[in-house]
Structures are given as structure tokens and as C-alpha cells.
Amino acid sequence: MKKLTVSIFIVVFLVCCQKDNEGCNEAITYCNETIPYYYQPVCGCNDITYSNWETAECHGIINYREGECGSD
């Protein structure tokens, strides 16, 4: 029973930790559509400025804010 409890705790811990980093792992994905080129910068949660939200999402970044990074 103790092993089961420890195993459940480990699984819950890993799932919780994984959600904290979700969307901040930059990885170039192959988008199904062509990304339009225009400059409306967004700052990704990884502190990298992308030219637009489509570019950020194509790189796997789903958490971003409007504007360039460091322009606060």
C-alpha cells in the first residue's frame, strides 16, 4: 500500500510540474499553413520577441503578451 501511495504522489507531482512549464518550451513545429509576415510583436513566456502571434505559436509558444520583450 505504501508503494501505491508513493507512486500516486510522484505521478501527481510530475503532472503539476509539467503544467507550470506548458507553452514555454520553444520547439519549431511544422505549421499546416503559411505564416503571414507582418510585424505586430509579441513577447513569449521565454522572453523572446516574435514578429507576430502566429510565429510564436508556430514555435510552440502559447503564452505570450503583446509588445516586444523588455519594453515594459
PDB file of N, CA and C in Angstrom:
ATOM      1  N   MET A   1       0.823  -1.197   0.000  1.00  0.00           N
ATOM      2  CA  MET A   1       0.000   0.000   0.000  1.00  0.00           C
ATOM      3  C   MET A   1       0.866   1.259   0.000  1.00  0.00           C
ATOM      4  N   LYS A   2       1.978   1.209   0.724  1.00  0.00           N
ATOM      5  CA  LYS A   2       2.850   2.367   0.798  1.00  0.00           C
ATOM      6  C   LYS A   2       3.440   2.692  -0.582  1.00  0.00           C
ATOM      7  N   LYS A   3       3.791   1.655  -1.345  1.00  0.00           N
ATOM      8  CA  LYS A   3       4.346   1.872  -2.690  1.00  0.00           C
ATOM      9  C   LYS A   3       3.307   2.515  -3.598  1.00  0.00           C
ATOM     10  N   LEU A   4       2.065   2.117  -3.461  1.00  0.00           N
ATOM     11  CA  LEU A   4       0.999   2.700  -4.268  1.00  0.00           C
ATOM     12  C   LEU A   4       0.827   4.178  -3.939  1.00  0.00           C
ATOM     13  N   THR A   5       0.846   4.526  -2.664  1.00  0.00           N
ATOM     14  CA  THR A   5       0.707   5.915  -2.244  1.00  0.00           C
ATOM     15  C   THR A   5       1.855   6.761  -2.772  1.00  0.00           C
ATOM     16  N   VAL A   6       3.072   6.255  -2.678  1.00  0.00           N
ATOM     17  CA  VAL A   6       4.240   6.976  -3.172  1.00  0.00           C
ATOM     18  C   VAL A   6       4.149   7.138  -4.682  1.00  0.00           C
ATOM     19  N   SER A   7       3.731   6.114  -5.382  1.00  0.00           N
ATOM     20  CA  SER A   7       3.599   6.176  -6.839  1.00  0.00           C
ATOM     21  C   SER A   7       2.580   7.221  -7.262  1.00  0.00           C
ATOM     22  N   ILE A   8       1.455   7.256  -6.573  1.00  0.00           N
ATOM     23  CA  ILE A   8       0.421   8.249  -6.894  1.00  0.00           C
ATOM     24  C   ILE A   8       0.951   9.652  -6.638  1.00  0.00           C
ATOM     25  N   PHE A   9       1.651   9.843  -5.539  1.00  0.00           N
ATOM     26  CA  PHE A   9       2.224  11.148  -5.228  1.00  0.00           C
ATOM     27  C   PHE A   9       3.190  11.593  -6.323  1.00  0.00           C
ATOM     28  N   ILE A  10       4.034  10.695  -6.791  1.00  0.00           N
ATOM     29  CA  ILE A  10       5.012  11.027  -7.834  1.00  0.00           C
ATOM     30  C   ILE A  10       4.302  11.417  -9.126  1.00  0.00           C
ATOM     31  N   VAL A  11       3.297  10.683  -9.497  1.00  0.00           N
ATOM     32  CA  VAL A  11       2.561  10.991 -10.734  1.00  0.00           C
ATOM     33  C   VAL A  11       1.891  12.362 -10.626  1.00  0.00           C
ATOM     34  N   VAL A  12       1.250  12.638  -9.500  1.00  0.00           N
ATOM     35  CA  VAL A  12       0.589  13.931  -9.308  1.00  0.00           C
ATOM     36  C   VAL A  12       1.620  15.053  -9.343  1.00  0.00           C
ATOM     37  N   PHE A  13       2.745  14.856  -8.700  1.00  0.00           N
ATOM     38  CA  PHE A  13       3.808  15.857  -8.689  1.00  0.00           C
ATOM     39  C   PHE A  13       4.307  16.143 -10.102  1.00  0.00           C
ATOM     40  N   LEU A  14       4.545  15.116 -10.888  1.00  0.00           N
ATOM     41  CA  LEU A  14       5.038  15.307 -12.258  1.00  0.00           C
ATOM     42  C   LEU A  14       4.019  16.024 -13.133  1.00  0.00           C
ATOM     43  N   VAL A  15       2.760  15.695 -12.971  1.00  0.00           N
ATOM     44  CA  VAL A  15       1.710  16.349 -13.759  1.00  0.00           C
ATOM     45  C   VAL A  15       1.618  17.826 -13.388  1.00  0.00           C
ATOM     46  N   CYS A  16       1.698  18.143 -12.114  1.00  0.00           N
ATOM     47  CA  CYS A  16       1.634  19.541 -11.673  1.00  0.00           C
ATOM     48  C   CYS A  16       2.826  20.330 -12.188  1.00  0.00           C
ATOM     49  N   CYS A  17       3.990  19.769 -12.123  1.00  0.00           N
ATOM     50  CA  CYS A  17       5.194  20.462 -12.593  1.00  0.00           C
ATOM     51  C   CYS A  17       5.150  20.680 -14.091  1.00  0.00           C
ATOM     52  N   GLN A  18       4.633  19.738 -14.807  1.00  0.00           N
ATOM     53  CA  GLN A  18       4.570  19.834 -16.258  1.00  0.00           C
ATOM     54  C   GLN A  18       3.663  20.980 -16.683  1.00  0.00           C
ATOM     55  N   LYS A  19       2.574  21.219 -15.990  1.00  0.00           N
ATOM     56  CA  LYS A  19       1.650  22.292 -16.351  1.00  0.00           C
ATOM     57  C   LYS A  19       2.289  23.658 -16.148  1.00  0.00           C
ATOM     58  N   ASP A  20       3.176  23.804 -15.176  1.00  0.00           N
ATOM     59  CA  ASP A  20       3.821  25.092 -14.937  1.00  0.00           C
ATOM     60  C   ASP A  20       4.672  25.531 -16.118  1.00  0.00           C
ATOM     61  N   ASN A  21       5.250  24.589 -16.838  1.00  0.00           N
ATOM     62  CA  ASN A  21       6.125  24.911 -17.959  1.00  0.00           C
ATOM     63  C   ASN A  21       5.412  24.827 -19.305  1.00  0.00           C
ATOM     64  N   GLU A  22       4.168  24.484 -19.296  1.00  0.00           N
ATOM     65  CA  GLU A  22       3.443  24.278 -20.543  1.00  0.00           C
ATOM     66  C   GLU A  22       3.421  25.550 -21.385  1.00  0.00           C
ATOM     67  N   GLY A  23       3.755  25.404 -22.658  1.00  0.00           N
ATOM     68  CA  GLY A  23       3.707  26.538 -23.565  1.00  0.00           C
ATOM     69  C   GLY A  23       4.966  27.371 -23.582  1.00  0.00           C
ATOM     70  N   CYS A  24       5.949  27.042 -22.771  1.00  0.00           N
ATOM     71  CA  CYS A  24       7.162  27.834 -22.726  1.00  0.00           C
ATOM     72  C   CYS A  24       8.361  27.061 -23.267  1.00  0.00           C
ATOM     73  N   ASN A  25       8.140  25.960 -23.877  1.00  0.00           N
ATOM     74  CA  ASN A  25       9.220  25.192 -24.470  1.00  0.00           C
ATOM     75  C   ASN A  25       9.236  25.462 -25.960  1.00  0.00           C
ATOM     76  N   GLU A  26      10.191  26.263 -26.388  1.00  0.00           N
ATOM     77  CA  GLU A  26      10.247  26.612 -27.800  1.00  0.00           C
ATOM     78  C   GLU A  26      10.688  25.409 -28.606  1.00  0.00           C
ATOM     79  N   ALA A  27       9.900  25.070 -29.588  1.00  0.00           N
ATOM     80  CA  ALA A  27      10.225  23.976 -30.491  1.00  0.00           C
ATOM     81  C   ALA A  27       9.556  24.294 -31.820  1.00  0.00           C
ATOM     82  N   ILE A  28      10.337  24.356 -32.870  1.00  0.00           N
ATOM     83  CA  ILE A  28       9.769  24.670 -34.175  1.00  0.00           C
ATOM     84  C   ILE A  28       8.854  23.530 -34.586  1.00  0.00           C
ATOM     85  N   THR A  29       7.626  23.870 -34.835  1.00  0.00           N
ATOM     86  CA  THR A  29       6.668  22.896 -35.306  1.00  0.00           C
ATOM     87  C   THR A  29       6.405  23.186 -36.780  1.00  0.00           C
ATOM     88  N   TYR A  30       5.946  22.240 -37.469  1.00  0.00           N
ATOM     89  CA  TYR A  30       5.653  22.439 -38.884  1.00  0.00           C
ATOM     90  C   TYR A  30       4.189  22.803 -39.010  1.00  0.00           C
ATOM     91  N   CYS A  31       3.968  24.092 -39.168  1.00  0.00           N
ATOM     92  CA  CYS A  31       2.606  24.604 -39.265  1.00  0.00           C
ATOM     93  C   CYS A  31       1.984  24.154 -40.575  1.00  0.00           C
ATOM     94  N   ASN A  32       0.698  23.931 -40.531  1.00  0.00           N
ATOM     95  CA  ASN A  32      -0.016  23.490 -41.726  1.00  0.00           C
ATOM     96  C   ASN A  32      -0.223  24.615 -42.723  1.00  0.00           C
ATOM     97  N   GLU A  33      -0.165  25.843 -42.248  1.00  0.00           N
ATOM     98  CA  GLU A  33      -0.409  26.989 -43.115  1.00  0.00           C
ATOM     99  C   GLU A  33       0.821  27.883 -43.156  1.00  0.00           C
ATOM    100  N   THR A  34       0.908  28.718 -44.164  1.00  0.00           N
ATOM    101  CA  THR A  34       1.987  29.686 -44.256  1.00  0.00           C
ATOM    102  C   THR A  34       1.758  30.781 -43.229  1.00  0.00           C
ATOM    103  N   ILE A  35       2.817  31.155 -42.521  1.00  0.00           N
ATOM    104  CA  ILE A  35       2.707  32.202 -41.522  1.00  0.00           C
ATOM    105  C   ILE A  35       2.783  33.552 -42.231  1.00  0.00           C
ATOM    106  N   PRO A  36       1.778  34.397 -42.038  1.00  0.00           N
ATOM    107  CA  PRO A  36       1.838  35.715 -42.679  1.00  0.00           C
ATOM    108  C   PRO A  36       2.958  36.555 -42.072  1.00  0.00           C
ATOM    109  N   TYR A  37       3.643  37.326 -42.914  1.00  0.00           N
ATOM    110  CA  TYR A  37       4.717  38.168 -42.421  1.00  0.00           C
ATOM    111  C   TYR A  37       4.196  39.583 -42.217  1.00  0.00           C
ATOM    112  N   TYR A  38       4.083  39.976 -41.000  1.00  0.00           N
ATOM    113  CA  TYR A  38       3.777  41.347 -40.608  1.00  0.00           C
ATOM    114  C   TYR A  38       4.383  41.530 -39.229  1.00  0.00           C
ATOM    115  N   TYR A  39       4.642  42.744 -38.852  1.00  0.00           N
ATOM    116  CA  TYR A  39       5.287  42.984 -37.573  1.00  0.00           C
ATOM    117  C   TYR A  39       4.302  43.556 -36.576  1.00  0.00           C
ATOM    118  N   GLN A  40       3.833  42.693 -35.711  1.00  0.00           N
ATOM    119  CA  GLN A  40       2.989  43.059 -34.579  1.00  0.00           C
ATOM    120  C   GLN A  40       3.539  42.221 -33.423  1.00  0.00           C
ATOM    121  N   PRO A  41       4.661  42.691 -32.822  1.00  0.00           N
ATOM    122  CA  PRO A  41       5.445  41.850 -31.924  1.00  0.00           C
ATOM    123  C   PRO A  41       4.706  41.362 -30.684  1.00  0.00           C
ATOM    124  N   VAL A  42       5.066  40.157 -30.283  1.00  0.00           N
ATOM    125  CA  VAL A  42       4.598  39.576 -29.035  1.00  0.00           C
ATOM    126  C   VAL A  42       5.813  39.065 -28.278  1.00  0.00           C
ATOM    127  N   CYS A  43       5.727  39.108 -26.961  1.00  0.00           N
ATOM    128  CA  CYS A  43       6.800  38.616 -26.108  1.00  0.00           C
ATOM    129  C   CYS A  43       6.378  37.263 -25.553  1.00  0.00           C
ATOM    130  N   GLY A  44       7.129  36.235 -25.896  1.00  0.00           N
ATOM    131  CA  GLY A  44       6.834  34.899 -25.403  1.00  0.00           C
ATOM    132  C   GLY A  44       7.212  34.743 -23.943  1.00  0.00           C
ATOM    133  N   CYS A  45       6.639  33.745 -23.300  1.00  0.00           N
ATOM    134  CA  CYS A  45       6.940  33.487 -21.892  1.00  0.00           C
ATOM    135  C   CYS A  45       8.395  33.087 -21.693  1.00  0.00           C
ATOM    136  N   ASN A  46       9.110  32.841 -22.786  1.00  0.00           N
ATOM    137  CA  ASN A  46      10.536  32.523 -22.726  1.00  0.00           C
ATOM    138  C   ASN A  46      11.396  33.771 -22.942  1.00  0.00           C
ATOM    139  N   ASP A  47      10.776  34.961 -22.890  1.00  0.00           N
ATOM    140  CA  ASP A  47      11.447  36.258 -23.065  1.00  0.00           C
ATOM    141  C   ASP A  47      12.097  36.431 -24.433  1.00  0.00           C
ATOM    142  N   ILE A  48      11.482  35.872 -25.454  1.00  0.00           N
ATOM    143  CA  ILE A  48      11.923  36.061 -26.836  1.00  0.00           C
ATOM    144  C   ILE A  48      10.819  36.799 -27.568  1.00  0.00           C
ATOM    145  N   THR A  49      11.210  37.837 -28.337  1.00  0.00           N
ATOM    146  CA  THR A  49      10.240  38.595 -29.121  1.00  0.00           C
ATOM    147  C   THR A  49      10.016  37.893 -30.454  1.00  0.00           C
ATOM    148  N   TYR A  50       8.749  37.665 -30.788  1.00  0.00           N
ATOM    149  CA  TYR A  50       8.362  37.072 -32.072  1.00  0.00           C
ATOM    150  C   TYR A  50       7.668  38.145 -32.888  1.00  0.00           C
ATOM    151  N   SER A  51       7.770  38.075 -34.197  1.00  0.00           N
ATOM    152  CA  SER A  51       7.220  39.127 -35.054  1.00  0.00           C
ATOM    153  C   SER A  51       5.701  39.217 -34.996  1.00  0.00           C
ATOM    154  N   ASN A  52       5.024  38.122 -34.673  1.00  0.00           N
ATOM    155  CA  ASN A  52       3.568  38.133 -34.524  1.00  0.00           C
ATOM    156  C   ASN A  52       3.145  36.876 -33.764  1.00  0.00           C
ATOM    157  N   TRP A  53       1.882  36.809 -33.394  1.00  0.00           N
ATOM    158  CA  TRP A  53       1.422  35.677 -32.591  1.00  0.00           C
ATOM    159  C   TRP A  53       1.459  34.369 -33.360  1.00  0.00           C
ATOM    160  N   GLU A  54       1.273  34.420 -34.680  1.00  0.00           N
ATOM    161  CA  GLU A  54       1.328  33.184 -35.467  1.00  0.00           C
ATOM    162  C   GLU A  54       2.720  32.572 -35.427  1.00  0.00           C
ATOM    163  N   THR A  55       3.734  33.421 -35.501  1.00  0.00           N
ATOM    164  CA  THR A  55       5.108  32.938 -35.438  1.00  0.00           C
ATOM    165  C   THR A  55       5.393  32.326 -34.064  1.00  0.00           C
ATOM    166  N   ALA A  56       4.931  32.990 -33.006  1.00  0.00           N
ATOM    167  CA  ALA A  56       5.133  32.467 -31.652  1.00  0.00           C
ATOM    168  C   ALA A  56       4.492  31.088 -31.508  1.00  0.00           C
ATOM    169  N   GLU A  57       3.264  30.957 -31.943  1.00  0.00           N
ATOM    170  CA  GLU A  57       2.574  29.681 -31.807  1.00  0.00           C
ATOM    171  C   GLU A  57       3.183  28.606 -32.690  1.00  0.00           C
ATOM    172  N   CYS A  58       3.713  28.991 -33.834  1.00  0.00           N
ATOM    173  CA  CYS A  58       4.371  28.020 -34.704  1.00  0.00           C
ATOM    174  C   CYS A  58       5.635  27.471 -34.038  1.00  0.00           C
ATOM    175  N   HIS A  59       6.246  28.277 -33.159  1.00  0.00           N
ATOM    176  CA  HIS A  59       7.420  27.834 -32.411  1.00  0.00           C
ATOM    177  C   HIS A  59       7.027  27.124 -31.114  1.00  0.00           C
ATOM    178  N   GLY A  60       5.757  26.889 -30.911  1.00  0.00           N
ATOM    179  CA  GLY A  60       5.289  26.165 -29.735  1.00  0.00           C
ATOM    180  C   GLY A  60       5.018  27.040 -28.529  1.00  0.00           C
ATOM    181  N   ILE A  61       5.061  28.355 -28.677  1.00  0.00           N
ATOM    182  CA  ILE A  61       4.821  29.274 -27.566  1.00  0.00           C
ATOM    183  C   ILE A  61       3.348  29.669 -27.574  1.00  0.00           C
ATOM    184  N   ILE A  62       2.630  29.284 -26.524  1.00  0.00           N
ATOM    185  CA  ILE A  62       1.206  29.625 -26.461  1.00  0.00           C
ATOM    186  C   ILE A  62       0.914  30.666 -25.390  1.00  0.00           C
ATOM    187  N   ASN A  63       1.909  30.966 -24.562  1.00  0.00           N
ATOM    188  CA  ASN A  63       1.763  32.013 -23.543  1.00  0.00           C
ATOM    189  C   ASN A  63       2.626  33.192 -23.951  1.00  0.00           C
ATOM    190  N   TYR A  64       1.994  34.290 -24.321  1.00  0.00           N
ATOM    191  CA  TYR A  64       2.714  35.477 -24.750  1.00  0.00           C
ATOM    192  C   TYR A  64       1.869  36.703 -24.456  1.00  0.00           C
ATOM    193  N   ARG A  65       2.513  37.858 -24.558  1.00  0.00           N
ATOM    194  CA  ARG A  65       1.796  39.121 -24.361  1.00  0.00           C
ATOM    195  C   ARG A  65       2.127  40.036 -25.542  1.00  0.00           C
ATOM    196  N   GLU A  66       1.303  41.028 -25.764  1.00  0.00           N
ATOM    197  CA  GLU A  66       1.546  41.964 -26.854  1.00  0.00           C
ATOM    198  C   GLU A  66       2.758  42.826 -26.557  1.00  0.00           C
ATOM    199  N   GLY A  67       3.508  43.164 -27.592  1.00  0.00           N
ATOM    200  CA  GLY A  67       4.667  44.042 -27.458  1.00  0.00           C
ATOM    201  C   GLY A  67       5.973  43.268 -27.410  1.00  0.00           C
ATOM    202  N   GLU A  68       7.049  44.018 -27.596  1.00  0.00           N
ATOM    203  CA  GLU A  68       8.380  43.414 -27.560  1.00  0.00           C
ATOM    204  C   GLU A  68       8.777  43.097 -26.127  1.00  0.00           C
ATOM    205  N   CYS A  69       9.649  42.126 -25.969  1.00  0.00           N
ATOM    206  CA  CYS A  69      10.174  41.793 -24.645  1.00  0.00           C
ATOM    207  C   CYS A  69      11.063  42.927 -24.169  1.00  0.00           C
ATOM    208  N   GLY A  70      11.001  43.224 -22.900  1.00  0.00           N
ATOM    209  CA  GLY A  70      11.829  44.270 -22.326  1.00  0.00           C
ATOM    210  C   GLY A  70      11.320  45.672 -22.590  1.00  0.00           C
ATOM    211  N   SER A  71      10.107  45.801 -23.126  1.00  0.00           N
ATOM    212  CA  SER A  71       9.576  47.139 -23.428  1.00  0.00           C
ATOM    213  C   SER A  71       8.586  47.594 -22.361  1.00  0.00           C
ATOM    214  N   ASP A  72       8.683  47.037 -21.162  1.00  0.00           N
ATOM    215  CA  ASP A  72       7.762  47.416 -20.073  1.00  0.00           C
ATOM    216  C   ASP A  72       8.058  48.781 -19.546  1.00  0.00           C
TER     217      ASP A  72
END
